[in-house]
Amino acid sequence: MANADPLLANLSGDTYLGFDFGVKKTGVAVGQKTTLTANALQTIPAIRQTPNWEAIGKLIREWRPVGLVVGISRQMDGTDNPVTPRMEKFCRQLEGRFGLPVYQQDETLSTYEAKQLLFDEMGVNAAKLWAIQDQLAAQLILQTWLNHPLANACLLKNLK
């Protein structure tokens, strides 16, 4: 459990969870503004194409994040794709269920990038790739958000 580690307990005030939402599964990553680093955490299978709120709630209770970052996918021209409304609904549901601020991060091509890293550069086989690509995509989404100057301004604003 994350809170059993005293170092992680000290970071809880600056911890964020990142999500790569999908209809079949959602990748989750954890990151801290102190270190400006994100790490893949796990993949949560959906239940009949519905987010597994129990598993998500367990992670939120365990890590005690101060905010949540969700990747929002759009077409290359910036218009919504068929899953964009479901991603936006997921954001609203996260905020409503857990009372935490939810930040949206453009995730265009994040899953593709994760697949390229895992398959081409690390030689991960297809079965393992399917199991972990979403958590790596969540890591890329959260890392991008942590690195973005506007996100850092938001982080500083939340400290006051």
C-alpha atoms as a PDB file:
ATOM      1  CA  MET A   1       0.000   0.000   0.000  1.00  0.00           C
ATOM      2  CA  ALA A   2       1.360   3.398  -1.007  1.00  0.00           C
ATOM      3  CA  ASN A   3       0.689   5.148   2.297  1.00  0.00           C
ATOM      4  CA  ALA A   4       2.789   2.619   4.228  1.00  0.00           C
ATOM      5  CA  ASP A   5       5.908   4.206   2.734  1.00  0.00           C
ATOM      6  CA  PRO A   6       6.810   7.391   4.684  1.00  0.00           C
ATOM      7  CA  LEU A   7       8.325   8.986   1.572  1.00  0.00           C
ATOM      8  CA  LEU A   8       5.109   8.490  -0.370  1.00  0.00           C
ATOM      9  CA  ALA A   9       3.064   9.753   2.566  1.00  0.00           C
ATOM     10  CA  ASN A  10       5.052  13.010   2.478  1.00  0.00           C
ATOM     11  CA  LEU A  11       4.304  13.396  -1.229  1.00  0.00           C
ATOM     12  CA  SER A  12       0.552  12.952  -0.884  1.00  0.00           C
ATOM     13  CA  GLY A  13      -0.015  16.733  -0.914  1.00  0.00           C
ATOM     14  CA  ASP A  14       1.430  17.004  -4.389  1.00  0.00           C
ATOM     15  CA  THR A  15       0.307  13.738  -5.928  1.00  0.00           C
ATOM     16  CA  TYR A  16      -1.768  13.532  -9.100  1.00  0.00           C
ATOM     17  CA  LEU A  17      -3.309  10.533 -10.806  1.00  0.00           C
ATOM     18  CA  GLY A  18      -3.425  10.425 -14.591  1.00  0.00           C
ATOM     19  CA  PHE A  19      -5.936   8.444 -16.644  1.00  0.00           C
ATOM     20  CA  ASP A  20      -5.964   7.100 -20.180  1.00  0.00           C
ATOM     21  CA  PHE A  21      -9.695   6.369 -20.431  1.00  0.00           C
ATOM     22  CA  GLY A  22     -10.928   3.630 -22.699  1.00  0.00           C
ATOM     23  CA  VAL A  23     -14.191   1.794 -23.192  1.00  0.00           C
ATOM     24  CA  LYS A  24     -12.559  -1.580 -22.424  1.00  0.00           C
ATOM     25  CA  LYS A  25      -9.877  -0.490 -19.955  1.00  0.00           C
ATOM     26  CA  THR A  26      -8.356   2.583 -18.351  1.00  0.00           C
ATOM     27  CA  GLY A  27      -4.658   3.100 -17.765  1.00  0.00           C
ATOM     28  CA  VAL A  28      -3.611   4.868 -14.572  1.00  0.00           C
ATOM     29  CA  ALA A  29      -0.385   6.662 -13.672  1.00  0.00           C
ATOM     30  CA  VAL A  30       0.789   8.525 -10.587  1.00  0.00           C
ATOM     31  CA  GLY A  31       2.972  11.622 -10.515  1.00  0.00           C
ATOM     32  CA  GLN A  32       4.231  14.320  -8.187  1.00  0.00           C
ATOM     33  CA  LYS A  33       4.727  17.995  -8.803  1.00  0.00           C
ATOM     34  CA  THR A  34       7.752  18.028  -6.481  1.00  0.00           C
ATOM     35  CA  THR A  35       9.720  15.744  -8.756  1.00  0.00           C
ATOM     36  CA  LEU A  36       7.765  16.523 -11.949  1.00  0.00           C
ATOM     37  CA  THR A  37       7.752  12.813 -12.745  1.00  0.00           C
ATOM     38  CA  ALA A  38       4.992  10.386 -13.619  1.00  0.00           C
ATOM     39  CA  ASN A  39       5.039   6.602 -13.387  1.00  0.00           C
ATOM     40  CA  ALA A  40       2.753   3.962 -14.847  1.00  0.00           C
ATOM     41  CA  LEU A  41       0.618   2.420 -12.125  1.00  0.00           C
ATOM     42  CA  GLN A  42      -1.907  -0.090 -13.460  1.00  0.00           C
ATOM     43  CA  THR A  43      -4.600  -0.900 -15.985  1.00  0.00           C
ATOM     44  CA  ILE A  44      -8.189  -1.167 -14.759  1.00  0.00           C
ATOM     45  CA  PRO A  45     -10.539  -3.273 -16.892  1.00  0.00           C
ATOM     46  CA  ALA A  46     -13.968  -1.735 -17.499  1.00  0.00           C
ATOM     47  CA  ILE A  47     -17.129  -3.494 -16.355  1.00  0.00           C
ATOM     48  CA  ARG A  48     -19.521  -3.819 -19.313  1.00  0.00           C
ATOM     49  CA  GLN A  49     -17.973  -0.720 -20.926  1.00  0.00           C
ATOM     50  CA  THR A  50     -18.376   1.268 -17.696  1.00  0.00           C
ATOM     51  CA  PRO A  51     -15.433   2.527 -15.618  1.00  0.00           C
ATOM     52  CA  ASN A  52     -14.663   0.355 -12.603  1.00  0.00           C
ATOM     53  CA  TRP A  53     -15.456   3.032 -10.019  1.00  0.00           C
ATOM     54  CA  GLU A  54     -14.607   0.753  -7.103  1.00  0.00           C
ATOM     55  CA  ALA A  55     -11.059   0.171  -8.364  1.00  0.00           C
ATOM     56  CA  ILE A  56     -10.614   3.864  -9.210  1.00  0.00           C
ATOM     57  CA  GLY A  57     -11.892   4.848  -5.751  1.00  0.00           C
ATOM     58  CA  LYS A  58      -9.449   2.442  -4.122  1.00  0.00           C
ATOM     59  CA  LEU A  59      -6.536   4.099  -5.947  1.00  0.00           C
ATOM     60  CA  ILE A  60      -7.756   7.554  -4.975  1.00  0.00           C
ATOM     61  CA  ARG A  61      -8.022   6.523  -1.309  1.00  0.00           C
ATOM     62  CA  GLU A  62      -4.602   4.888  -1.444  1.00  0.00           C
ATOM     63  CA  TRP A  63      -2.677   7.694  -3.160  1.00  0.00           C
ATOM     64  CA  ARG A  64      -4.759  10.660  -1.867  1.00  0.00           C
ATOM     65  CA  PRO A  65      -4.145  12.836  -4.956  1.00  0.00           C
ATOM     66  CA  VAL A  66      -4.841  16.551  -4.981  1.00  0.00           C
ATOM     67  CA  GLY A  67      -5.983  16.392  -8.598  1.00  0.00           C
ATOM     68  CA  LEU A  68      -6.730  14.106 -11.510  1.00  0.00           C
ATOM     69  CA  VAL A  69      -5.517  14.427 -15.099  1.00  0.00           C
ATOM     70  CA  VAL A  70      -7.475  12.794 -17.914  1.00  0.00           C
ATOM     71  CA  GLY A  71      -6.318  12.444 -21.487  1.00  0.00           C
ATOM     72  CA  ILE A  72      -8.798  13.759 -24.047  1.00  0.00           C
ATOM     73  CA  SER A  73      -8.469  12.412 -27.567  1.00  0.00           C
ATOM     74  CA  ARG A  74      -9.375  14.436 -30.612  1.00  0.00           C
ATOM     75  CA  GLN A  75      -8.913  14.113 -34.358  1.00  0.00           C
ATOM     76  CA  MET A  76      -5.722  15.491 -35.848  1.00  0.00           C
ATOM     77  CA  ASP A  77      -7.683  18.589 -36.976  1.00  0.00           C
ATOM     78  CA  GLY A  78      -8.832  19.245 -33.373  1.00  0.00           C
ATOM     79  CA  THR A  79     -12.411  18.062 -33.797  1.00  0.00           C
ATOM     80  CA  ASP A  80     -13.978  15.473 -31.515  1.00  0.00           C
ATOM     81  CA  ASN A  81     -13.669  11.820 -32.390  1.00  0.00           C
ATOM     82  CA  PRO A  82     -16.347   9.240 -31.467  1.00  0.00           C
ATOM     83  CA  VAL A  83     -14.896   8.578 -27.982  1.00  0.00           C
ATOM     84  CA  THR A  84     -14.307  12.240 -26.990  1.00  0.00           C
ATOM     85  CA  PRO A  85     -17.784  12.710 -25.431  1.00  0.00           C
ATOM     86  CA  ARG A  86     -17.271   9.569 -23.316  1.00  0.00           C
ATOM     87  CA  MET A  87     -13.918  10.909 -22.118  1.00  0.00           C
ATOM     88  CA  GLU A  88     -15.512  14.212 -21.156  1.00  0.00           C
ATOM     89  CA  LYS A  89     -18.283  12.328 -19.325  1.00  0.00           C
ATOM     90  CA  PHE A  90     -15.599  10.345 -17.464  1.00  0.00           C
ATOM     91  CA  CYS A  91     -14.062  13.678 -16.363  1.00  0.00           C
ATOM     92  CA  ARG A  92     -17.412  14.943 -15.045  1.00  0.00           C
ATOM     93  CA  GLN A  93     -18.047  11.663 -13.239  1.00  0.00           C
ATOM     94  CA  LEU A  94     -14.585  11.691 -11.630  1.00  0.00           C
ATOM     95  CA  GLU A  95     -15.102  15.224 -10.362  1.00  0.00           C
ATOM     96  CA  GLY A  96     -18.624  14.478  -9.123  1.00  0.00           C
ATOM     97  CA  ARG A  97     -17.750  11.201  -7.399  1.00  0.00           C
ATOM     98  CA  PHE A  98     -14.477  12.182  -5.761  1.00  0.00           C
ATOM     99  CA  GLY A  99     -14.678  15.974  -5.386  1.00  0.00           C
ATOM    100  CA  LEU A 100     -11.210  16.523  -6.833  1.00  0.00           C
ATOM    101  CA  PRO A 101     -10.211  18.951  -9.568  1.00  0.00           C
ATOM    102  CA  VAL A 102      -9.991  17.230 -12.948  1.00  0.00           C
ATOM    103  CA  TYR A 103      -7.624  18.610 -15.561  1.00  0.00           C
ATOM    104  CA  GLN A 104      -7.877  17.642 -19.220  1.00  0.00           C
ATOM    105  CA  GLN A 105      -4.757  16.978 -21.274  1.00  0.00           C
ATOM    106  CA  ASP A 106      -4.651  16.464 -25.021  1.00  0.00           C
ATOM    107  CA  GLU A 107      -3.763  12.820 -25.503  1.00  0.00           C
ATOM    108  CA  THR A 108      -3.762  12.651 -29.280  1.00  0.00           C
ATOM    109  CA  LEU A 109      -1.494   9.770 -30.265  1.00  0.00           C
ATOM    110  CA  SER A 110      -0.490   8.908 -26.661  1.00  0.00           C
ATOM    111  CA  THR A 111      -1.577   5.267 -26.990  1.00  0.00           C
ATOM    112  CA  TYR A 112       0.162   5.064 -30.369  1.00  0.00           C
ATOM    113  CA  GLU A 113       3.323   6.507 -28.798  1.00  0.00           C
ATOM    114  CA  ALA A 114       3.084   4.039 -25.908  1.00  0.00           C
ATOM    115  CA  LYS A 115       2.730   1.135 -28.352  1.00  0.00           C
ATOM    116  CA  GLN A 116       5.729   2.338 -30.337  1.00  0.00           C
ATOM    117  CA  LEU A 117       7.862   2.593 -27.194  1.00  0.00           C
ATOM    118  CA  LEU A 118       6.847  -0.816 -25.919  1.00  0.00           C
ATOM    119  CA  PHE A 119       6.799  -2.789 -29.156  1.00  0.00           C
ATOM    120  CA  ASP A 120       9.505  -1.208 -31.287  1.00  0.00           C
ATOM    121  CA  GLU A 121      11.987   0.013 -28.700  1.00  0.00           C
ATOM    122  CA  MET A 122      11.518  -2.489 -25.880  1.00  0.00           C
ATOM    123  CA  GLY A 123      10.423  -5.568 -27.831  1.00  0.00           C
ATOM    124  CA  VAL A 124       7.341  -6.241 -25.699  1.00  0.00           C
ATOM    125  CA  ASN A 125       5.199  -9.020 -27.199  1.00  0.00           C
ATOM    126  CA  ALA A 126       1.643  -8.316 -28.385  1.00  0.00           C
ATOM    127  CA  ALA A 127      -0.108  -9.988 -25.423  1.00  0.00           C
ATOM    128  CA  LYS A 128       1.906  -8.032 -22.850  1.00  0.00           C
ATOM    129  CA  LEU A 129       1.561  -4.875 -24.956  1.00  0.00           C
ATOM    130  CA  TRP A 130      -2.249  -5.043 -24.725  1.00  0.00           C
ATOM    131  CA  ALA A 131      -2.030  -5.368 -20.927  1.00  0.00           C
ATOM    132  CA  ILE A 132       0.290  -2.415 -20.249  1.00  0.00           C
ATOM    133  CA  GLN A 133      -0.015   0.071 -23.127  1.00  0.00           C
ATOM    134  CA  ASP A 134      -2.771   2.073 -21.423  1.00  0.00           C
ATOM    135  CA  GLN A 135      -0.867   2.600 -18.189  1.00  0.00           C
ATOM    136  CA  LEU A 136       2.133   3.818 -20.182  1.00  0.00           C
ATOM    137  CA  ALA A 137      -0.189   6.099 -22.161  1.00  0.00           C
ATOM    138  CA  ALA A 138      -1.522   7.431 -18.816  1.00  0.00           C
ATOM    139  CA  GLN A 139       2.074   8.069 -17.757  1.00  0.00           C
ATOM    140  CA  LEU A 140       2.752  10.001 -20.969  1.00  0.00           C
ATOM    141  CA  ILE A 141      -0.451  12.035 -20.493  1.00  0.00           C
ATOM    142  CA  LEU A 142       0.386  12.900 -16.878  1.00  0.00           C
ATOM    143  CA  GLN A 143       4.037  13.629 -17.658  1.00  0.00           C
ATOM    144  CA  THR A 144       3.007  15.995 -20.471  1.00  0.00           C
ATOM    145  CA  TRP A 145       0.624  17.777 -18.094  1.00  0.00           C
ATOM    146  CA  LEU A 146       3.297  18.089 -15.378  1.00  0.00           C
ATOM    147  CA  ASN A 147       5.797  19.462 -17.913  1.00  0.00           C
ATOM    148  CA  HIS A 148       3.409  22.017 -19.400  1.00  0.00           C
ATOM    149  CA  PRO A 149       4.100  25.567 -18.142  1.00  0.00           C
ATOM    150  CA  LEU A 150       0.388  26.327 -17.641  1.00  0.00           C
ATOM    151  CA  ALA A 151       0.024  23.183 -15.560  1.00  0.00           C
ATOM    152  CA  ASN A 152       2.909  24.288 -13.383  1.00  0.00           C
ATOM    153  CA  ALA A 153       1.239  27.689 -12.915  1.00  0.00           C
ATOM    154  CA  CYS A 154      -1.914  25.834 -11.817  1.00  0.00           C
ATOM    155  CA  LEU A 155       0.162  23.755  -9.445  1.00  0.00           C
ATOM    156  CA  LEU A 156       1.682  26.849  -7.864  1.00  0.00           C
ATOM    157  CA  LYS A 157      -1.771  28.413  -7.592  1.00  0.00           C
ATOM    158  CA  ASN A 158      -3.051  25.319  -5.735  1.00  0.00           C
ATOM    159  CA  LEU A 159      -0.292  25.705  -3.121  1.00  0.00           C
ATOM    160  CA  LYS A 160      -1.763  28.989  -1.863  1.00  0.00           C
END
